[in-house]
N, C-alpha and C. Protein backbone atom coordinates (compact mmCIF):
# COMPACT_ATOMS: atom_id res chain seq x y z
N MET A 1 -21.52 36.33 -12.84
CA MET A 1 -20.58 35.72 -11.92
C MET A 1 -20.89 34.22 -11.85
N PHE A 2 -19.87 33.43 -11.73
CA PHE A 2 -20.05 31.98 -11.63
C PHE A 2 -19.17 31.46 -10.50
N LEU A 3 -19.53 30.26 -10.04
CA LEU A 3 -18.85 29.65 -8.89
C LEU A 3 -18.56 28.19 -9.22
N ILE A 4 -17.31 27.79 -9.04
CA ILE A 4 -16.93 26.39 -9.25
C ILE A 4 -16.63 25.78 -7.89
N ALA A 5 -17.48 24.84 -7.47
CA ALA A 5 -17.30 24.19 -6.16
C ALA A 5 -17.63 22.71 -6.31
N GLY A 6 -17.11 21.92 -5.39
CA GLY A 6 -17.38 20.49 -5.41
C GLY A 6 -16.64 19.78 -4.31
N VAL A 7 -16.82 18.48 -4.27
CA VAL A 7 -16.14 17.63 -3.30
C VAL A 7 -15.15 16.76 -4.06
N GLN A 8 -13.90 16.74 -3.60
CA GLN A 8 -12.89 15.93 -4.28
C GLN A 8 -12.12 15.10 -3.26
N PRO A 9 -11.69 13.90 -3.67
CA PRO A 9 -10.92 13.04 -2.77
C PRO A 9 -9.46 13.47 -2.71
N LYS A 10 -8.85 13.20 -1.57
CA LYS A 10 -7.43 13.47 -1.39
C LYS A 10 -6.83 12.32 -0.59
N THR A 11 -5.81 11.67 -1.15
CA THR A 11 -5.17 10.53 -0.49
C THR A 11 -4.07 11.04 0.41
N ARG A 12 -4.08 10.58 1.68
CA ARG A 12 -3.09 11.01 2.66
C ARG A 12 -2.44 9.81 3.29
N ARG A 13 -1.14 9.86 3.48
CA ARG A 13 -0.42 8.81 4.20
C ARG A 13 -0.50 9.16 5.69
N VAL A 14 -1.08 8.25 6.48
CA VAL A 14 -1.22 8.50 7.92
C VAL A 14 -0.22 7.67 8.72
N GLY A 15 0.34 6.64 8.12
CA GLY A 15 1.34 5.82 8.80
C GLY A 15 2.74 6.31 8.49
N GLU A 16 3.61 6.25 9.48
CA GLU A 16 4.97 6.74 9.30
C GLU A 16 5.92 5.65 8.86
N TYR A 17 5.66 4.41 9.30
CA TYR A 17 6.59 3.32 9.04
C TYR A 17 5.99 2.32 8.05
N PRO A 18 6.78 1.87 7.08
CA PRO A 18 6.26 0.93 6.09
C PRO A 18 6.12 -0.48 6.65
N GLN A 19 5.24 -1.25 6.03
CA GLN A 19 5.02 -2.65 6.39
C GLN A 19 5.22 -3.49 5.13
N ARG A 20 5.33 -4.80 5.32
CA ARG A 20 5.53 -5.70 4.18
C ARG A 20 4.21 -5.89 3.44
N CYS A 21 4.29 -5.76 2.12
CA CYS A 21 3.12 -5.98 1.25
C CYS A 21 3.00 -7.47 0.98
N PRO A 22 1.86 -8.08 1.27
CA PRO A 22 1.71 -9.51 1.00
C PRO A 22 1.60 -9.82 -0.50
N ALA A 23 1.32 -8.83 -1.32
CA ALA A 23 1.19 -9.07 -2.76
C ALA A 23 2.54 -9.15 -3.46
N CYS A 24 3.43 -8.17 -3.19
CA CYS A 24 4.71 -8.14 -3.91
C CYS A 24 5.90 -8.47 -3.01
N GLY A 25 5.73 -8.43 -1.69
CA GLY A 25 6.79 -8.79 -0.77
C GLY A 25 7.70 -7.66 -0.35
N LEU A 26 7.55 -6.48 -0.94
CA LEU A 26 8.39 -5.35 -0.56
C LEU A 26 7.88 -4.69 0.72
N ILE A 27 8.76 -4.05 1.43
CA ILE A 27 8.37 -3.33 2.65
C ILE A 27 8.10 -1.89 2.26
N ARG A 28 6.99 -1.70 1.55
CA ARG A 28 6.62 -0.38 1.05
C ARG A 28 5.12 -0.12 1.19
N ALA A 29 4.44 -0.83 2.11
CA ALA A 29 3.01 -0.62 2.31
C ALA A 29 2.82 0.32 3.50
N TYR A 30 2.18 1.45 3.27
CA TYR A 30 1.95 2.45 4.30
C TYR A 30 0.47 2.54 4.63
N THR A 31 0.16 2.92 5.85
CA THR A 31 -1.22 3.17 6.23
C THR A 31 -1.65 4.46 5.55
N THR A 32 -2.73 4.38 4.80
CA THR A 32 -3.20 5.48 3.96
C THR A 32 -4.68 5.69 4.21
N ARG A 33 -5.15 6.90 3.93
CA ARG A 33 -6.56 7.22 4.11
C ARG A 33 -6.99 8.16 2.98
N VAL A 34 -8.20 7.97 2.47
CA VAL A 34 -8.74 8.86 1.44
C VAL A 34 -9.81 9.72 2.09
N ASP A 35 -9.53 11.02 2.18
CA ASP A 35 -10.47 11.99 2.75
C ASP A 35 -11.11 12.79 1.62
N HIS A 36 -12.33 13.26 1.84
CA HIS A 36 -13.02 14.07 0.85
C HIS A 36 -13.08 15.51 1.35
N TYR A 37 -12.71 16.45 0.49
CA TYR A 37 -12.65 17.86 0.84
C TYR A 37 -13.60 18.67 -0.03
N LEU A 38 -14.21 19.68 0.58
CA LEU A 38 -15.01 20.65 -0.16
C LEU A 38 -14.03 21.61 -0.81
N SER A 39 -14.17 21.79 -2.12
CA SER A 39 -13.24 22.63 -2.87
C SER A 39 -13.97 23.80 -3.50
N LEU A 40 -13.29 24.91 -3.55
CA LEU A 40 -13.79 26.11 -4.20
C LEU A 40 -12.74 26.53 -5.22
N PHE A 41 -13.10 26.55 -6.50
CA PHE A 41 -12.15 26.81 -7.58
C PHE A 41 -10.95 25.87 -7.51
N PHE A 42 -11.23 24.59 -7.25
CA PHE A 42 -10.24 23.49 -7.21
C PHE A 42 -9.23 23.62 -6.06
N ILE A 43 -9.53 24.43 -5.07
CA ILE A 43 -8.68 24.56 -3.89
C ILE A 43 -9.42 23.92 -2.72
N PRO A 44 -8.85 22.85 -2.11
CA PRO A 44 -9.52 22.20 -0.97
C PRO A 44 -9.61 23.16 0.21
N LEU A 45 -10.83 23.34 0.72
CA LEU A 45 -11.04 24.25 1.85
C LEU A 45 -11.07 23.53 3.18
N PHE A 46 -11.96 22.53 3.30
CA PHE A 46 -12.02 21.77 4.55
C PHE A 46 -12.55 20.38 4.29
N ARG A 47 -12.20 19.47 5.23
CA ARG A 47 -12.57 18.06 5.07
C ARG A 47 -14.06 17.88 5.37
N VAL A 48 -14.73 17.18 4.47
CA VAL A 48 -16.14 16.89 4.61
C VAL A 48 -16.34 15.49 5.18
N LYS A 49 -15.53 14.55 4.73
CA LYS A 49 -15.66 13.15 5.14
C LYS A 49 -14.27 12.56 5.32
N GLN A 50 -14.07 11.91 6.48
CA GLN A 50 -12.79 11.24 6.75
C GLN A 50 -12.92 9.77 6.38
N GLY A 51 -11.98 9.27 5.59
CA GLY A 51 -12.01 7.89 5.15
C GLY A 51 -11.45 6.93 6.19
N ASN A 52 -11.63 5.64 5.94
CA ASN A 52 -11.08 4.60 6.81
C ASN A 52 -9.65 4.30 6.40
N PRO A 53 -8.75 4.09 7.36
CA PRO A 53 -7.37 3.78 7.00
C PRO A 53 -7.24 2.38 6.41
N PHE A 54 -6.31 2.23 5.48
CA PHE A 54 -6.01 0.95 4.85
C PHE A 54 -4.54 0.97 4.45
N LEU A 55 -4.00 -0.20 4.14
CA LEU A 55 -2.61 -0.28 3.68
C LEU A 55 -2.57 -0.15 2.17
N LEU A 56 -1.65 0.68 1.67
CA LEU A 56 -1.46 0.86 0.25
C LEU A 56 0.03 0.68 -0.04
N CYS A 57 0.33 -0.25 -0.92
CA CYS A 57 1.73 -0.53 -1.27
C CYS A 57 2.18 0.46 -2.33
N GLU A 58 3.30 1.12 -2.08
CA GLU A 58 3.85 2.06 -3.05
C GLU A 58 4.65 1.35 -4.13
N GLY A 59 4.97 0.07 -3.91
CA GLY A 59 5.70 -0.70 -4.90
C GLY A 59 4.80 -1.18 -6.02
N CYS A 60 3.72 -1.87 -5.66
CA CYS A 60 2.81 -2.42 -6.68
C CYS A 60 1.52 -1.61 -6.80
N ARG A 61 1.37 -0.55 -5.99
CA ARG A 61 0.21 0.36 -6.01
C ARG A 61 -1.12 -0.35 -5.78
N ARG A 62 -1.09 -1.44 -4.98
CA ARG A 62 -2.32 -2.16 -4.67
C ARG A 62 -2.70 -1.96 -3.21
N PRO A 63 -3.99 -1.81 -2.92
CA PRO A 63 -4.40 -1.78 -1.52
C PRO A 63 -4.30 -3.18 -0.93
N VAL A 64 -3.92 -3.25 0.34
CA VAL A 64 -3.76 -4.53 1.03
C VAL A 64 -5.02 -4.78 1.84
N ASP A 65 -5.62 -5.96 1.66
CA ASP A 65 -6.88 -6.28 2.31
C ASP A 65 -6.71 -6.80 3.72
N GLU A 66 -5.53 -7.30 4.08
CA GLU A 66 -5.34 -7.89 5.40
C GLU A 66 -5.27 -6.82 6.47
N PRO A 67 -5.78 -7.11 7.68
CA PRO A 67 -5.62 -6.17 8.79
C PRO A 67 -4.15 -6.03 9.16
N GLN A 68 -3.79 -4.88 9.73
CA GLN A 68 -2.39 -4.61 10.04
C GLN A 68 -1.84 -5.50 11.14
N ASP A 69 -2.66 -5.91 12.11
CA ASP A 69 -2.12 -6.68 13.23
C ASP A 69 -2.03 -8.18 12.94
N SER A 70 -2.61 -8.64 11.84
CA SER A 70 -2.61 -10.08 11.59
C SER A 70 -1.21 -10.56 11.23
N PRO A 71 -0.81 -11.72 11.76
CA PRO A 71 0.51 -12.24 11.40
C PRO A 71 0.54 -12.66 9.95
N GLN A 72 1.70 -12.58 9.34
CA GLN A 72 1.83 -12.95 7.94
C GLN A 72 1.67 -14.46 7.78
N LYS A 73 1.07 -14.83 6.68
CA LYS A 73 0.89 -16.25 6.41
C LYS A 73 2.22 -16.87 6.05
N LYS A 74 2.49 -18.04 6.56
CA LYS A 74 3.71 -18.77 6.24
C LYS A 74 3.50 -19.48 4.91
N PRO A 75 4.50 -19.50 4.05
CA PRO A 75 4.32 -20.22 2.78
C PRO A 75 4.19 -21.71 3.02
N ALA A 76 3.39 -22.35 2.20
CA ALA A 76 3.21 -23.79 2.32
C ALA A 76 4.49 -24.50 1.92
N ALA A 77 4.62 -25.73 2.37
CA ALA A 77 5.82 -26.50 2.05
C ALA A 77 5.95 -26.62 0.54
N GLY A 78 7.13 -26.32 0.01
CA GLY A 78 7.36 -26.38 -1.42
C GLY A 78 6.90 -25.15 -2.16
N ALA A 79 6.36 -24.14 -1.46
CA ALA A 79 5.87 -22.94 -2.12
C ALA A 79 6.88 -21.81 -2.08
N SER A 80 8.15 -22.14 -1.87
CA SER A 80 9.17 -21.10 -1.87
C SER A 80 10.25 -21.43 -2.88
N ARG A 81 10.96 -20.40 -3.30
CA ARG A 81 12.07 -20.57 -4.22
C ARG A 81 13.24 -19.74 -3.72
N THR A 82 14.36 -19.81 -4.36
CA THR A 82 15.55 -19.09 -3.93
C THR A 82 15.75 -17.87 -4.81
N CYS A 83 16.04 -16.73 -4.19
CA CYS A 83 16.31 -15.50 -4.93
C CYS A 83 17.62 -15.66 -5.69
N VAL A 84 17.66 -15.20 -6.93
CA VAL A 84 18.87 -15.33 -7.74
C VAL A 84 19.96 -14.35 -7.29
N ALA A 85 19.58 -13.26 -6.63
CA ALA A 85 20.56 -12.26 -6.22
C ALA A 85 21.16 -12.54 -4.84
N CYS A 86 20.30 -12.77 -3.84
CA CYS A 86 20.82 -12.93 -2.47
C CYS A 86 20.77 -14.37 -1.97
N LYS A 87 20.22 -15.28 -2.75
CA LYS A 87 20.16 -16.72 -2.43
C LYS A 87 19.34 -17.04 -1.19
N ARG A 88 18.40 -16.19 -0.82
CA ARG A 88 17.52 -16.46 0.33
C ARG A 88 16.19 -17.01 -0.18
N PRO A 89 15.45 -17.75 0.67
CA PRO A 89 14.16 -18.28 0.23
C PRO A 89 13.12 -17.16 0.08
N VAL A 90 12.33 -17.27 -0.99
CA VAL A 90 11.30 -16.29 -1.30
C VAL A 90 10.00 -17.04 -1.61
N ASP A 91 8.88 -16.53 -1.11
CA ASP A 91 7.57 -17.12 -1.38
C ASP A 91 7.28 -17.05 -2.87
N GLU A 92 6.65 -18.07 -3.41
CA GLU A 92 6.32 -18.14 -4.84
C GLU A 92 5.43 -16.99 -5.30
N SER A 93 4.57 -16.48 -4.42
CA SER A 93 3.61 -15.45 -4.82
C SER A 93 4.26 -14.06 -4.89
N PHE A 94 5.48 -13.87 -4.36
CA PHE A 94 6.13 -12.57 -4.37
C PHE A 94 6.73 -12.28 -5.74
N LYS A 95 6.55 -11.05 -6.20
CA LYS A 95 7.16 -10.63 -7.46
C LYS A 95 8.57 -10.09 -7.22
N TYR A 96 8.83 -9.62 -6.00
CA TYR A 96 10.13 -9.06 -5.63
C TYR A 96 10.63 -9.75 -4.37
N CYS A 97 11.94 -9.87 -4.25
CA CYS A 97 12.55 -10.47 -3.05
C CYS A 97 12.39 -9.51 -1.88
N PRO A 98 11.83 -9.97 -0.74
CA PRO A 98 11.65 -9.07 0.41
C PRO A 98 12.97 -8.73 1.10
N HIS A 99 14.04 -9.44 0.78
CA HIS A 99 15.32 -9.20 1.44
C HIS A 99 16.18 -8.19 0.69
N CYS A 100 16.25 -8.33 -0.65
CA CYS A 100 17.13 -7.46 -1.42
C CYS A 100 16.37 -6.57 -2.42
N GLY A 101 15.11 -6.87 -2.71
CA GLY A 101 14.32 -6.06 -3.64
C GLY A 101 14.45 -6.45 -5.10
N GLN A 102 15.23 -7.49 -5.38
CA GLN A 102 15.41 -7.95 -6.76
C GLN A 102 14.12 -8.57 -7.29
N ARG A 103 13.77 -8.31 -8.53
CA ARG A 103 12.58 -8.91 -9.14
C ARG A 103 12.83 -10.40 -9.33
N THR A 104 11.86 -11.22 -8.92
CA THR A 104 11.99 -12.67 -9.08
C THR A 104 11.41 -13.06 -10.43
N LYS A 105 11.81 -14.18 -10.93
CA LYS A 105 11.35 -14.63 -12.25
C LYS A 105 10.20 -15.58 -12.16
């Protein structure tokens, strides 16, 4: 007889409402947590360790380092451009327009 057991991570979304991702500009960053579960034959039985919550963007798949309550940084003068689709100002560091979702060039 043999036994296959171990501890495996499981990513869980704990936040219900999305926030703006400072990396790509999309409103697709959710509060997420990585918990570790004891598994028996690859079936998670119970949580062994609860992880710390963090923001994870579902658009660019990057974790966000900023705290959730901190106000967003304003772009410096001259650090914005106009979106080609909706003609609104967009920060230079954004890959996508936060207003319409169009990829910026």
